[in-house]
PDB file of N, CA and C in Angstrom:
ATOM      1  N   MET A   1     -25.672  56.645-117.110  1.00  0.00           N
ATOM      2  CA  MET A   1     -24.810  55.750-117.840  1.00  0.00           C
ATOM      3  C   MET A   1     -23.944  54.926-116.890  1.00  0.00           C
ATOM      4  N   PHE A   2     -23.370  55.594-115.886  1.00  0.00           N
ATOM      5  CA  PHE A   2     -22.519  54.907-114.920  1.00  0.00           C
ATOM      6  C   PHE A   2     -23.300  53.846-114.152  1.00  0.00           C
ATOM      7  N   LYS A   3     -24.551  54.185-113.746  1.00  0.00           N
ATOM      8  CA  LYS A   3     -25.361  53.227-113.003  1.00  0.00           C
ATOM      9  C   LYS A   3     -25.661  51.992-113.844  1.00  0.00           C
ATOM     10  N   LYS A   4     -25.954  52.200-115.122  1.00  0.00           N
ATOM     11  CA  LYS A   4     -26.268  51.077-116.008  1.00  0.00           C
ATOM     12  C   LYS A   4     -25.042  50.174-116.155  1.00  0.00           C
ATOM     13  N   THR A   5     -23.874  50.740-116.304  1.00  0.00           N
ATOM     14  CA  THR A   5     -22.639  49.967-116.427  1.00  0.00           C
ATOM     15  C   THR A   5     -22.360  49.221-115.130  1.00  0.00           C
ATOM     16  N   LEU A   6     -22.571  49.864-114.003  1.00  0.00           N
ATOM     17  CA  LEU A   6     -22.354  49.243-112.712  1.00  0.00           C
ATOM     18  C   LEU A   6     -23.299  48.062-112.508  1.00  0.00           C
ATOM     19  N   VAL A   7     -24.561  48.229-112.879  1.00  0.00           N
ATOM     20  CA  VAL A   7     -25.544  47.152-112.746  1.00  0.00           C
ATOM     21  C   VAL A   7     -25.156  45.975-113.630  1.00  0.00           C
ATOM     22  N   CYS A   8     -24.761  46.245-114.867  1.00  0.00           N
ATOM     23  CA  CYS A   8     -24.343  45.174-115.782  1.00  0.00           C
ATOM     24  C   CYS A   8     -23.128  44.430-115.239  1.00  0.00           C
ATOM     25  N   ALA A   9     -22.157  45.162-114.728  1.00  0.00           N
ATOM     26  CA  ALA A   9     -20.954  44.537-114.173  1.00  0.00           C
ATOM     27  C   ALA A   9     -21.302  43.691-112.958  1.00  0.00           C
ATOM     28  N   THR A  10     -22.211  44.166-112.139  1.00  0.00           N
ATOM     29  CA  THR A  10     -22.633  43.413-110.959  1.00  0.00           C
ATOM     30  C   THR A  10     -23.330  42.126-111.364  1.00  0.00           C
ATOM     31  N   LEU A  11     -24.189  42.192-112.365  1.00  0.00           N
ATOM     32  CA  LEU A  11     -24.885  40.999-112.842  1.00  0.00           C
ATOM     33  C   LEU A  11     -23.908  39.975-113.401  1.00  0.00           C
ATOM     34  N   VAL A  12     -22.945  40.429-114.159  1.00  0.00           N
ATOM     35  CA  VAL A  12     -21.956  39.517-114.734  1.00  0.00           C
ATOM     36  C   VAL A  12     -21.149  38.849-113.632  1.00  0.00           C
ATOM     37  N   LEU A  13     -20.717  39.617-112.651  1.00  0.00           N
ATOM     38  CA  LEU A  13     -19.949  39.049-111.540  1.00  0.00           C
ATOM     39  C   LEU A  13     -20.766  38.073-110.720  1.00  0.00           C
ATOM     40  N   SER A  14     -22.023  38.401-110.439  1.00  0.00           N
ATOM     41  CA  SER A  14     -22.855  37.505-109.641  1.00  0.00           C
ATOM     42  C   SER A  14     -23.149  36.222-110.404  1.00  0.00           C
ATOM     43  N   ALA A  15     -23.302  36.304-111.728  1.00  0.00           N
ATOM     44  CA  ALA A  15     -23.518  35.101-112.530  1.00  0.00           C
ATOM     45  C   ALA A  15     -22.281  34.211-112.485  1.00  0.00           C
ATOM     46  N   GLY A  16     -21.103  34.817-112.551  1.00  0.00           N
ATOM     47  CA  GLY A  16     -19.857  34.049-112.471  1.00  0.00           C
ATOM     48  C   GLY A  16     -19.693  33.377-111.127  1.00  0.00           C
ATOM     49  N   VAL A  17     -20.048  34.074-110.065  1.00  0.00           N
ATOM     50  CA  VAL A  17     -19.971  33.500-108.718  1.00  0.00           C
ATOM     51  C   VAL A  17     -20.951  32.345-108.585  1.00  0.00           C
ATOM     52  N   ALA A  18     -22.154  32.504-109.129  1.00  0.00           N
ATOM     53  CA  ALA A  18     -23.153  31.431-109.059  1.00  0.00           C
ATOM     54  C   ALA A  18     -22.663  30.193-109.800  1.00  0.00           C
ATOM     55  N   MET A  19     -22.036  30.379-110.955  1.00  0.00           N
ATOM     56  CA  MET A  19     -21.511  29.238-111.711  1.00  0.00           C
ATOM     57  C   MET A  19     -20.388  28.565-110.932  1.00  0.00           C
ATOM     58  N   ALA A  20     -19.535  29.343-110.319  1.00  0.00           N
ATOM     59  CA  ALA A  20     -18.434  28.778-109.539  1.00  0.00           C
ATOM     60  C   ALA A  20     -18.972  28.022-108.330  1.00  0.00           C
ATOM     61  N   GLN A  21     -20.004  28.546-107.699  1.00  0.00           N
ATOM     62  CA  GLN A  21     -20.593  27.862-106.550  1.00  0.00           C
ATOM     63  C   GLN A  21     -21.243  26.562-106.985  1.00  0.00           C
ATOM     64  N   GLY A  22     -21.888  26.560-108.151  1.00  0.00           N
ATOM     65  CA  GLY A  22     -22.514  25.344-108.661  1.00  0.00           C
ATOM     66  C   GLY A  22     -21.481  24.262-108.902  1.00  0.00           C
ATOM     67  N   SER A  23     -20.346  24.646-109.461  1.00  0.00           N
ATOM     68  CA  SER A  23     -19.279  23.694-109.711  1.00  0.00           C
ATOM     69  C   SER A  23     -18.676  23.210-108.387  1.00  0.00           C
ATOM     70  N   ALA A  24     -18.547  24.110-107.429  1.00  0.00           N
ATOM     71  CA  ALA A  24     -18.010  23.716-106.118  1.00  0.00           C
ATOM     72  C   ALA A  24     -18.947  22.728-105.441  1.00  0.00           C
ATOM     73  N   ARG A  25     -20.239  22.955-105.566  1.00  0.00           N
ATOM     74  CA  ARG A  25     -21.222  22.042-104.971  1.00  0.00           C
ATOM     75  C   ARG A  25     -21.113  20.660-105.604  1.00  0.00           C
ATOM     76  N   ILE A  26     -20.922  20.626-106.919  1.00  0.00           N
ATOM     77  CA  ILE A  26     -20.753  19.354-107.621  1.00  0.00           C
ATOM     78  C   ILE A  26     -19.483  18.657-107.143  1.00  0.00           C
ATOM     79  N   ASP A  27     -18.396  19.414-107.034  1.00  0.00           N
ATOM     80  CA  ASP A  27     -17.123  18.839-106.590  1.00  0.00           C
ATOM     81  C   ASP A  27     -17.215  18.296-105.167  1.00  0.00           C
ATOM     82  N   GLU A  28     -17.884  19.018-104.275  1.00  0.00           N
ATOM     83  CA  GLU A  28     -18.026  18.563-102.894  1.00  0.00           C
ATOM     84  C   GLU A  28     -18.813  17.262-102.836  1.00  0.00           C
ATOM     85  N   ARG A  29     -19.863  17.174-103.640  1.00  0.00           N
ATOM     86  CA  ARG A  29     -20.662  15.952-103.630  1.00  0.00           C
ATOM     87  C   ARG A  29     -19.857  14.786-104.200  1.00  0.00           C
ATOM     88  N   GLN A  30     -19.075  15.040-105.244  1.00  0.00           N
ATOM     89  CA  GLN A  30     -18.216  14.003-105.804  1.00  0.00           C
ATOM     90  C   GLN A  30     -17.255  13.485-104.729  1.00  0.00           C
ATOM     91  N   ALA A  31     -16.686  14.403-103.956  1.00  0.00           N
ATOM     92  CA  ALA A  31     -15.742  14.016-102.908  1.00  0.00           C
ATOM     93  C   ALA A  31     -16.440  13.173-101.840  1.00  0.00           C
ATOM     94  N   ARG A  32     -17.659  13.562-101.462  1.00  0.00           N
ATOM     95  CA  ARG A  32     -18.397  12.779-100.459  1.00  0.00           C
ATOM     96  C   ARG A  32     -18.713  11.380-100.980  1.00  0.00           C
ATOM     97  N   GLN A  33     -19.087  11.276-102.247  1.00  0.00           N
ATOM     98  CA  GLN A  33     -19.402   9.962-102.800  1.00  0.00           C
ATOM     99  C   GLN A  33     -18.144   9.110-102.927  1.00  0.00           C
ATOM    100  N   ASP A  34     -17.016   9.715-103.285  1.00  0.00           N
ATOM    101  CA  ASP A  34     -15.756   8.977-103.315  1.00  0.00           C
ATOM    102  C   ASP A  34     -15.408   8.459-101.912  1.00  0.00           C
ATOM    103  N   ALA A  35     -15.644   9.277-100.905  1.00  0.00           N
ATOM    104  CA  ALA A  35     -15.376   8.856 -99.527  1.00  0.00           C
ATOM    105  C   ALA A  35     -16.279   7.695 -99.120  1.00  0.00           C
ATOM    106  N   ARG A  36     -17.538   7.716 -99.565  1.00  0.00           N
ATOM    107  CA  ARG A  36     -18.454   6.608 -99.272  1.00  0.00           C
ATOM    108  C   ARG A  36     -17.962   5.313 -99.902  1.00  0.00           C
ATOM    109  N   ILE A  37     -17.431   5.404-101.120  1.00  0.00           N
ATOM    110  CA  ILE A  37     -16.894   4.217-101.787  1.00  0.00           C
ATOM    111  C   ILE A  37     -15.677   3.705-101.025  1.00  0.00           C
ATOM    112  N   ASP A  38     -14.774   4.605-100.667  1.00  0.00           N
ATOM    113  CA  ASP A  38     -13.573   4.214 -99.915  1.00  0.00           C
ATOM    114  C   ASP A  38     -13.940   3.573 -98.585  1.00  0.00           C
ATOM    115  N   GLN A  39     -14.922   4.143 -97.897  1.00  0.00           N
ATOM    116  CA  GLN A  39     -15.362   3.587 -96.618  1.00  0.00           C
ATOM    117  C   GLN A  39     -15.958   2.203 -96.820  1.00  0.00           C
ATOM    118  N   GLY A  40     -16.703   2.003 -97.906  1.00  0.00           N
ATOM    119  CA  GLY A  40     -17.299   0.699 -98.198  1.00  0.00           C
ATOM    120  C   GLY A  40     -16.248  -0.359 -98.453  1.00  0.00           C
ATOM    121  N   VAL A  41     -15.186   0.010 -99.135  1.00  0.00           N
ATOM    122  CA  VAL A  41     -14.089  -0.930 -99.383  1.00  0.00           C
ATOM    123  C   VAL A  41     -13.384  -1.249 -98.072  1.00  0.00           C
ATOM    124  N   ALA A  42     -13.123  -0.217 -97.270  1.00  0.00           N
ATOM    125  CA  ALA A  42     -12.406  -0.410 -96.007  1.00  0.00           C
ATOM    126  C   ALA A  42     -13.180  -1.307 -95.042  1.00  0.00           C
ATOM    127  N   SER A  43     -14.502  -1.178 -95.040  1.00  0.00           N
ATOM    128  CA  SER A  43     -15.307  -1.972 -94.110  1.00  0.00           C
ATOM    129  C   SER A  43     -15.666  -3.341 -94.668  1.00  0.00           C
ATOM    130  N   GLY A  44     -15.415  -3.552 -95.961  1.00  0.00           N
ATOM    131  CA  GLY A  44     -15.768  -4.827 -96.570  1.00  0.00           C
ATOM    132  C   GLY A  44     -17.173  -4.844 -97.142  1.00  0.00           C
ATOM    133  N   GLN A  45     -17.907  -3.730 -97.057  1.00  0.00           N
ATOM    134  CA  GLN A  45     -19.258  -3.678 -97.606  1.00  0.00           C
ATOM    135  C   GLN A  45     -19.240  -3.740 -99.125  1.00  0.00           C
ATOM    136  N   LEU A  46     -18.165  -3.264 -99.743  1.00  0.00           N
ATOM    137  CA  LEU A  46     -18.019  -3.304-101.196  1.00  0.00           C
ATOM    138  C   LEU A  46     -16.881  -4.240-101.559  1.00  0.00           C
ATOM    139  N   THR A  47     -17.115  -5.079-102.552  1.00  0.00           N
ATOM    140  CA  THR A  47     -16.033  -5.903-103.073  1.00  0.00           C
ATOM    141  C   THR A  47     -15.194  -5.038-104.002  1.00  0.00           C
ATOM    142  N   GLN A  48     -14.039  -5.533-104.386  1.00  0.00           N
ATOM    143  CA  GLN A  48     -13.172  -4.778-105.284  1.00  0.00           C
ATOM    144  C   GLN A  48     -13.851  -4.531-106.629  1.00  0.00           C
ATOM    145  N   ARG A  49     -14.581  -5.512-107.123  1.00  0.00           N
ATOM    146  CA  ARG A  49     -15.278  -5.361-108.405  1.00  0.00           C
ATOM    147  C   ARG A  49     -16.365  -4.294-108.305  1.00  0.00           C
ATOM    148  N   GLU A  50     -17.131  -4.330-107.217  1.00  0.00           N
ATOM    149  CA  GLU A  50     -18.175  -3.318-107.022  1.00  0.00           C
ATOM    150  C   GLU A  50     -17.553  -1.919-106.926  1.00  0.00           C
ATOM    151  N   ALA A  51     -16.465  -1.826-106.178  1.00  0.00           N
ATOM    152  CA  ALA A  51     -15.803  -0.525-106.018  1.00  0.00           C
ATOM    153  C   ALA A  51     -15.276  -0.014-107.358  1.00  0.00           C
ATOM    154  N   ALA A  52     -14.756  -0.900-108.177  1.00  0.00           N
ATOM    155  CA  ALA A  52     -14.247  -0.485-109.489  1.00  0.00           C
ATOM    156  C   ALA A  52     -15.388   0.051-110.348  1.00  0.00           C
ATOM    157  N   ARG A  53     -16.549  -0.595-110.293  1.00  0.00           N
ATOM    158  CA  ARG A  53     -17.701  -0.106-111.054  1.00  0.00           C
ATOM    159  C   ARG A  53     -18.164   1.248-110.534  1.00  0.00           C
ATOM    160  N   MET A  54     -18.168   1.416-109.213  1.00  0.00           N
ATOM    161  CA  MET A  54     -18.580   2.691-108.633  1.00  0.00           C
ATOM    162  C   MET A  54     -17.596   3.802-109.021  1.00  0.00           C
ATOM    163  N   GLU A  55     -16.304   3.504-109.003  1.00  0.00           N
ATOM    164  CA  GLU A  55     -15.292   4.488-109.394  1.00  0.00           C
ATOM    165  C   GLU A  55     -15.441   4.871-110.868  1.00  0.00           C
ATOM    166  N   ALA A  56     -15.773   3.898-111.715  1.00  0.00           N
ATOM    167  CA  ALA A  56     -15.979   4.197-113.138  1.00  0.00           C
ATOM    168  C   ALA A  56     -17.186   5.124-113.310  1.00  0.00           C
ATOM    169  N   GLY A  57     -18.225   4.894-112.526  1.00  0.00           N
ATOM    170  CA  GLY A  57     -19.398   5.770-112.578  1.00  0.00           C
ATOM    171  C   GLY A  57     -19.056   7.177-112.119  1.00  0.00           C
ATOM    172  N   GLN A  58     -18.237   7.283-111.088  1.00  0.00           N
ATOM    173  CA  GLN A  58     -17.801   8.596-110.615  1.00  0.00           C
ATOM    174  C   GLN A  58     -16.977   9.303-111.692  1.00  0.00           C
ATOM    175  N   ALA A  59     -16.164   8.541-112.398  1.00  0.00           N
ATOM    176  CA  ALA A  59     -15.356   9.131-113.470  1.00  0.00           C
ATOM    177  C   ALA A  59     -16.242   9.647-114.605  1.00  0.00           C
ATOM    178  N   ARG A  60     -17.332   8.930-114.900  1.00  0.00           N
ATOM    179  CA  ARG A  60     -18.261   9.400-115.934  1.00  0.00           C
ATOM    180  C   ARG A  60     -18.896  10.722-115.524  1.00  0.00           C
ATOM    181  N   VAL A  61     -19.294  10.828-114.261  1.00  0.00           N
ATOM    182  CA  VAL A  61     -19.897  12.076-113.776  1.00  0.00           C
ATOM    183  C   VAL A  61     -18.864  13.202-113.833  1.00  0.00           C
ATOM    184  N   GLN A  62     -17.626  12.910-113.467  1.00  0.00           N
ATOM    185  CA  GLN A  62     -16.563  13.915-113.535  1.00  0.00           C
ATOM    186  C   GLN A  62     -16.343  14.361-114.976  1.00  0.00           C
ATOM    187  N   GLY A  63     -16.413  13.430-115.917  1.00  0.00           N
ATOM    188  CA  GLY A  63     -16.290  13.778-117.329  1.00  0.00           C
ATOM    189  C   GLY A  63     -17.408  14.700-117.788  1.00  0.00           C
ATOM    190  N   MET A  64     -18.627  14.446-117.277  1.00  0.00           N
ATOM    191  CA  MET A  64     -19.749  15.332-117.604  1.00  0.00           C
ATOM    192  C   MET A  64     -19.460  16.745-117.106  1.00  0.00           C
ATOM    193  N   GLU A  65     -18.939  16.830-115.896  1.00  0.00           N
ATOM    194  CA  GLU A  65     -18.622  18.148-115.331  1.00  0.00           C
ATOM    195  C   GLU A  65     -17.516  18.842-116.133  1.00  0.00           C
ATOM    196  N   ASN A  66     -16.500  18.089-116.509  1.00  0.00           N
ATOM    197  CA  ASN A  66     -15.398  18.670-117.283  1.00  0.00           C
ATOM    198  C   ASN A  66     -15.890  19.199-118.632  1.00  0.00           C
ATOM    199  N   ARG A  67     -16.764  18.439-119.287  1.00  0.00           N
ATOM    200  CA  ARG A  67     -17.312  18.905-120.566  1.00  0.00           C
ATOM    201  C   ARG A  67     -18.160  20.149-120.372  1.00  0.00           C
ATOM    202  N   ALA A  68     -18.934  20.179-119.268  1.00  0.00           N
ATOM    203  CA  ALA A  68     -19.779  21.342-118.999  1.00  0.00           C
ATOM    204  C   ALA A  68     -18.927  22.582-118.730  1.00  0.00           C
ATOM    205  N   LEU A  69     -17.787  22.391-118.078  1.00  0.00           N
ATOM    206  CA  LEU A  69     -16.913  23.521-117.751  1.00  0.00           C
ATOM    207  C   LEU A  69     -15.997  23.924-118.901  1.00  0.00           C
ATOM    208  N   SER A  70     -15.970  23.143-119.972  1.00  0.00           N
ATOM    209  CA  SER A  70     -15.028  23.409-121.054  1.00  0.00           C
ATOM    210  C   SER A  70     -15.234  24.774-121.701  1.00  0.00           C
ATOM    211  N   ASP A  71     -16.471  25.273-121.703  1.00  0.00           N
ATOM    212  CA  ASP A  71     -16.708  26.594-122.288  1.00  0.00           C
ATOM    213  C   ASP A  71     -16.664  27.707-121.241  1.00  0.00           C
ATOM    214  N   GLY A  72     -16.362  27.357-120.011  1.00  0.00           N
ATOM    215  CA  GLY A  72     -16.204  28.360-118.961  1.00  0.00           C
ATOM    216  C   GLY A  72     -17.406  28.531-118.056  1.00  0.00           C
ATOM    217  N   THR A  73     -18.567  28.049-118.474  1.00  0.00           N
ATOM    218  CA  THR A  73     -19.759  28.181-117.638  1.00  0.00           C
ATOM    219  C   THR A  73     -20.511  26.858-117.603  1.00  0.00           C
ATOM    220  N   VAL A  74     -21.173  26.630-116.487  1.00  0.00           N
ATOM    221  CA  VAL A  74     -22.057  25.481-116.354  1.00  0.00           C
ATOM    222  C   VAL A  74     -23.474  26.033-116.381  1.00  0.00           C
ATOM    223  N   THR A  75     -24.220  25.688-117.406  1.00  0.00           N
ATOM    224  CA  THR A  75     -25.586  26.200-117.512  1.00  0.00           C
ATOM    225  C   THR A  75     -26.483  25.487-116.524  1.00  0.00           C
ATOM    226  N   ARG A  76     -27.659  26.022-116.331  1.00  0.00           N
ATOM    227  CA  ARG A  76     -28.626  25.430-115.416  1.00  0.00           C
ATOM    228  C   ARG A  76     -28.981  24.010-115.860  1.00  0.00           C
ATOM    229  N   ARG A  77     -29.147  23.830-117.172  1.00  0.00           N
ATOM    230  CA  ARG A  77     -29.491  22.507-117.708  1.00  0.00           C
ATOM    231  C   ARG A  77     -28.346  21.522-117.495  1.00  0.00           C
ATOM    232  N   GLU A  78     -27.113  21.954-117.748  1.00  0.00           N
ATOM    233  CA  GLU A  78     -25.952  21.080-117.541  1.00  0.00           C
ATOM    234  C   GLU A  78     -25.829  20.682-116.078  1.00  0.00           C
ATOM    235  N   ARG A  79     -26.028  21.661-115.185  1.00  0.00           N
ATOM    236  CA  ARG A  79     -25.948  21.369-113.755  1.00  0.00           C
ATOM    237  C   ARG A  79     -27.023  20.370-113.344  1.00  0.00           C
ATOM    238  N   ALA A  80     -28.226  20.512-113.903  1.00  0.00           N
ATOM    239  CA  ALA A  80     -29.317  19.591-113.584  1.00  0.00           C
ATOM    240  C   ALA A  80     -28.978  18.172-114.053  1.00  0.00           C
ATOM    241  N   ARG A  81     -28.389  18.057-115.244  1.00  0.00           N
ATOM    242  CA  ARG A  81     -28.010  16.733-115.756  1.00  0.00           C
ATOM    243  C   ARG A  81     -26.927  16.101-114.886  1.00  0.00           C
ATOM    244  N   ILE A  82     -25.959  16.910-114.468  1.00  0.00           N
ATOM    245  CA  ILE A  82     -24.873  16.398-113.625  1.00  0.00           C
ATOM    246  C   ILE A  82     -25.428  15.965-112.276  1.00  0.00           C
ATOM    247  N   GLU A  83     -26.296  16.776-111.688  1.00  0.00           N
ATOM    248  CA  GLU A  83     -26.864  16.423-110.385  1.00  0.00           C
ATOM    249  C   GLU A  83     -27.735  15.178-110.485  1.00  0.00           C
ATOM    250  N   HIS A  84     -28.442  15.002-111.600  1.00  0.00           N
ATOM    251  CA  HIS A  84     -29.224  13.777-111.788  1.00  0.00           C
ATOM    252  C   HIS A  84     -28.292  12.564-111.867  1.00  0.00           C
ATOM    253  N   ALA A  85     -27.191  12.705-112.604  1.00  0.00           N
ATOM    254  CA  ALA A  85     -26.223  11.614-112.694  1.00  0.00           C
ATOM    255  C   ALA A  85     -25.636  11.301-111.315  1.00  0.00           C
ATOM    256  N   GLN A  86     -25.408  12.338-110.513  1.00  0.00           N
ATOM    257  CA  GLN A  86     -24.914  12.111-109.146  1.00  0.00           C
ATOM    258  C   GLN A  86     -25.966  11.405-108.293  1.00  0.00           C
ATOM    259  N   ASP A  87     -27.239  11.736-108.485  1.00  0.00           N
ATOM    260  CA  ASP A  87     -28.308  11.050-107.761  1.00  0.00           C
ATOM    261  C   ASP A  87     -28.312   9.558-108.092  1.00  0.00           C
ATOM    262  N   VAL A  88     -28.185   9.257-109.382  1.00  0.00           N
ATOM    263  CA  VAL A  88     -28.156   7.863-109.824  1.00  0.00           C
ATOM    264  C   VAL A  88     -26.957   7.145-109.214  1.00  0.00           C
ATOM    265  N   GLN A  89     -25.797   7.790-109.249  1.00  0.00           N
ATOM    266  CA  GLN A  89     -24.583   7.212-108.679  1.00  0.00           C
ATOM    267  C   GLN A  89     -24.738   6.970-107.184  1.00  0.00           C
ATOM    268  N   SER A  90     -25.335   7.932-106.483  1.00  0.00           N
ATOM    269  CA  SER A  90     -25.535   7.795-105.047  1.00  0.00           C
ATOM    270  C   SER A  90     -26.417   6.587-104.738  1.00  0.00           C
ATOM    271  N   ALA A  91     -27.473   6.406-105.514  1.00  0.00           N
ATOM    272  CA  ALA A  91     -28.365   5.255-105.308  1.00  0.00           C
ATOM    273  C   ALA A  91     -27.619   3.954-105.572  1.00  0.00           C
ATOM    274  N   ARG A  92     -26.770   3.932-106.593  1.00  0.00           N
ATOM    275  CA  ARG A  92     -25.996   2.719-106.884  1.00  0.00           C
ATOM    276  C   ARG A  92     -25.032   2.392-105.747  1.00  0.00           C
ATOM    277  N   ILE A  93     -24.384   3.426-105.216  1.00  0.00           N
ATOM    278  CA  ILE A  93     -23.461   3.205-104.094  1.00  0.00           C
ATOM    279  C   ILE A  93     -24.224   2.622-102.914  1.00  0.00           C
ATOM    280  N   HIS A  94     -25.360   3.205-102.597  1.00  0.00           N
ATOM    281  CA  HIS A  94     -26.161   2.705-101.476  1.00  0.00           C
ATOM    282  C   HIS A  94     -26.581   1.259-101.707  1.00  0.00           C
ATOM    283  N   ARG A  95     -27.063   0.967-102.900  1.00  0.00           N
ATOM    284  CA  ARG A  95     -27.542  -0.384-103.208  1.00  0.00           C
ATOM    285  C   ARG A  95     -26.407  -1.394-103.084  1.00  0.00           C
ATOM    286  N   GLN A  96     -25.222  -1.068-103.582  1.00  0.00           N
ATOM    287  CA  GLN A  96     -24.102  -2.004-103.518  1.00  0.00           C
ATOM    288  C   GLN A  96     -23.570  -2.167-102.097  1.00  0.00           C
ATOM    289  N   LYS A  97     -23.606  -1.093-101.309  1.00  0.00           N
ATOM    290  CA  LYS A  97     -23.116  -1.194 -99.939  1.00  0.00           C
ATOM    291  C   LYS A  97     -24.051  -2.020 -99.057  1.00  0.00           C
ATOM    292  N   HIS A  98     -25.316  -2.133 -99.444  1.00  0.00           N
ATOM    293  CA  HIS A  98     -26.288  -2.823 -98.613  1.00  0.00           C
ATOM    294  C   HIS A  98     -26.822  -4.090 -99.265  1.00  0.00           C
ATOM    295  N   ASP A  99     -26.067  -4.696-100.178  1.00  0.00           N
ATOM    296  CA  ASP A  99     -26.561  -5.877-100.884  1.00  0.00           C
ATOM    297  C   ASP A  99     -26.159  -7.191-100.224  1.00  0.00           C
ATOM    298  N   ARG A 100     -25.642  -7.127 -99.019  1.00  0.00           N
ATOM    299  CA  ARG A 100     -25.275  -8.295 -98.217  1.00  0.00           C
ATOM    300  C   ARG A 100     -24.139  -9.115 -98.803  1.00  0.00           C
ATOM    301  N   GLN A 101     -23.357  -8.529 -99.677  1.00  0.00           N
ATOM    302  CA  GLN A 101     -22.122  -9.159-100.126  1.00  0.00           C
ATOM    303  C   GLN A 101     -21.001  -8.499 -99.346  1.00  0.00           C
ATOM    304  N   HIS A 102     -20.100  -9.309 -98.822  1.00  0.00           N
ATOM    305  CA  HIS A 102     -19.031  -8.770 -97.996  1.00  0.00           C
ATOM    306  C   HIS A 102     -17.685  -9.320 -98.442  1.00  0.00           C
ATOM    307  N   ASP A 103     -16.680  -8.503 -98.359  1.00  0.00           N
ATOM    308  CA  ASP A 103     -15.304  -8.893 -98.641  1.00  0.00           C
ATOM    309  C   ASP A 103     -14.468  -8.469 -97.441  1.00  0.00           C
ATOM    310  N   VAL A 104     -14.667  -9.179 -96.341  1.00  0.00           N
ATOM    311  CA  VAL A 104     -14.077  -8.782 -95.072  1.00  0.00           C
ATOM    312  C   VAL A 104     -12.554  -8.853 -95.105  1.00  0.00           C
ATOM    313  N   ASN A 105     -11.993  -9.889 -95.727  1.00  0.00           N
ATOM    314  CA  ASN A 105     -10.539 -10.018 -95.733  1.00  0.00           C
ATOM    315  C   ASN A 105      -9.896  -9.359 -96.953  1.00  0.00           C
ATOM    316  N   HIS A 106     -10.690  -8.654 -97.767  1.00  0.00           N
ATOM    317  CA  HIS A 106     -10.200  -7.847 -98.891  1.00  0.00           C
ATOM    318  C   HIS A 106      -9.371  -8.643 -99.901  1.00  0.00           C
ATOM    319  N   ASN A 107      -9.790  -9.882-100.177  1.00  0.00           N
ATOM    320  CA  ASN A 107      -9.075 -10.677-101.171  1.00  0.00           C
ATOM    321  C   ASN A 107      -9.772 -10.664-102.529  1.00  0.00           C
ATOM    322  N   GLY A 108     -10.822  -9.881-102.675  1.00  0.00           N
ATOM    323  CA  GLY A 108     -11.522  -9.774-103.949  1.00  0.00           C
ATOM    324  C   GLY A 108     -12.623 -10.785-104.145  1.00  0.00           C
ATOM    325  N   ARG A 109     -12.845 -11.654-103.165  1.00  0.00           N
ATOM    326  CA  ARG A 109     -13.900 -12.651-103.271  1.00  0.00           C
ATOM    327  C   ARG A 109     -14.940 -12.410-102.197  1.00  0.00           C
ATOM    328  N   VAL A 110     -16.189 -12.706-102.516  1.00  0.00           N
ATOM    329  CA  VAL A 110     -17.274 -12.527-101.548  1.00  0.00           C
ATOM    330  C   VAL A 110     -17.095 -13.566-100.453  1.00  0.00           C
ATOM    331  N   ASP A 111     -17.046 -13.109 -99.198  1.00  0.00           N
ATOM    332  CA  ASP A 111     -16.779 -14.007 -98.074  1.00  0.00           C
ATOM    333  C   ASP A 111     -18.029 -14.707 -97.577  1.00  0.00           C
ATOM    334  N   ARG A 112     -19.105 -13.976 -97.457  1.00  0.00           N
ATOM    335  CA  ARG A 112     -20.323 -14.599 -96.947  1.00  0.00           C
ATOM    336  C   ARG A 112     -21.541 -13.829 -97.436  1.00  0.00           C
ATOM    337  N   ARG A 113     -22.602 -14.540 -97.543  1.00  0.00           N
ATOM    338  CA  ARG A 113     -23.887 -13.941 -97.867  1.00  0.00           C
ATOM    339  C   ARG A 113     -24.822 -14.265 -96.737  1.00  0.00           C
ATOM    340  N   ARG A 114     -25.498 -13.260 -96.246  1.00  0.00           N
ATOM    341  CA  ARG A 114     -26.423 -13.476 -95.135  1.00  0.00           C
ATOM    342  C   ARG A 114     -27.830 -13.678 -95.680  1.00  0.00           C
ATOM    343  N   GLY A 115     -28.540 -14.636 -95.098  1.00  0.00           N
ATOM    344  CA  GLY A 115     -29.950 -14.847 -95.430  1.00  0.00           C
ATOM    345  C   GLY A 115     -30.219 -15.045 -96.897  1.00  0.00           C
ATOM    346  N   ASN A 116     -31.468 -15.247 -97.210  1.00  0.00           N
ATOM    347  CA  ASN A 116     -31.882 -15.341 -98.603  1.00  0.00           C
ATOM    348  C   ASN A 116     -33.347 -15.326 -98.739  1.00  0.00           C
TER     349      ASN A 116
END
């Protein structure tokens, strides 16, 4: 009886740790993507409008995470949906940072476009 209770308690604890690690992984990736947006603004690779759109997308992903955590656990399916949304956001950040629009003097207007 004691062994069965111990095994059940261990499984419950390990499941809780796995859920917490999944949420931590999501949070770390969110922080890295926020840093990429900030770096893009600082270097002029992102205009203010592009950065605002990227920040709104990050907020949507954060909302997904908050809803998933509202019941105390993030299921495998919820985590997969959040990670897919982060993948989409990451691709958008990359595309906007490399679209040859620059705001070097940070006045909110595109300064130059290279090539065509």
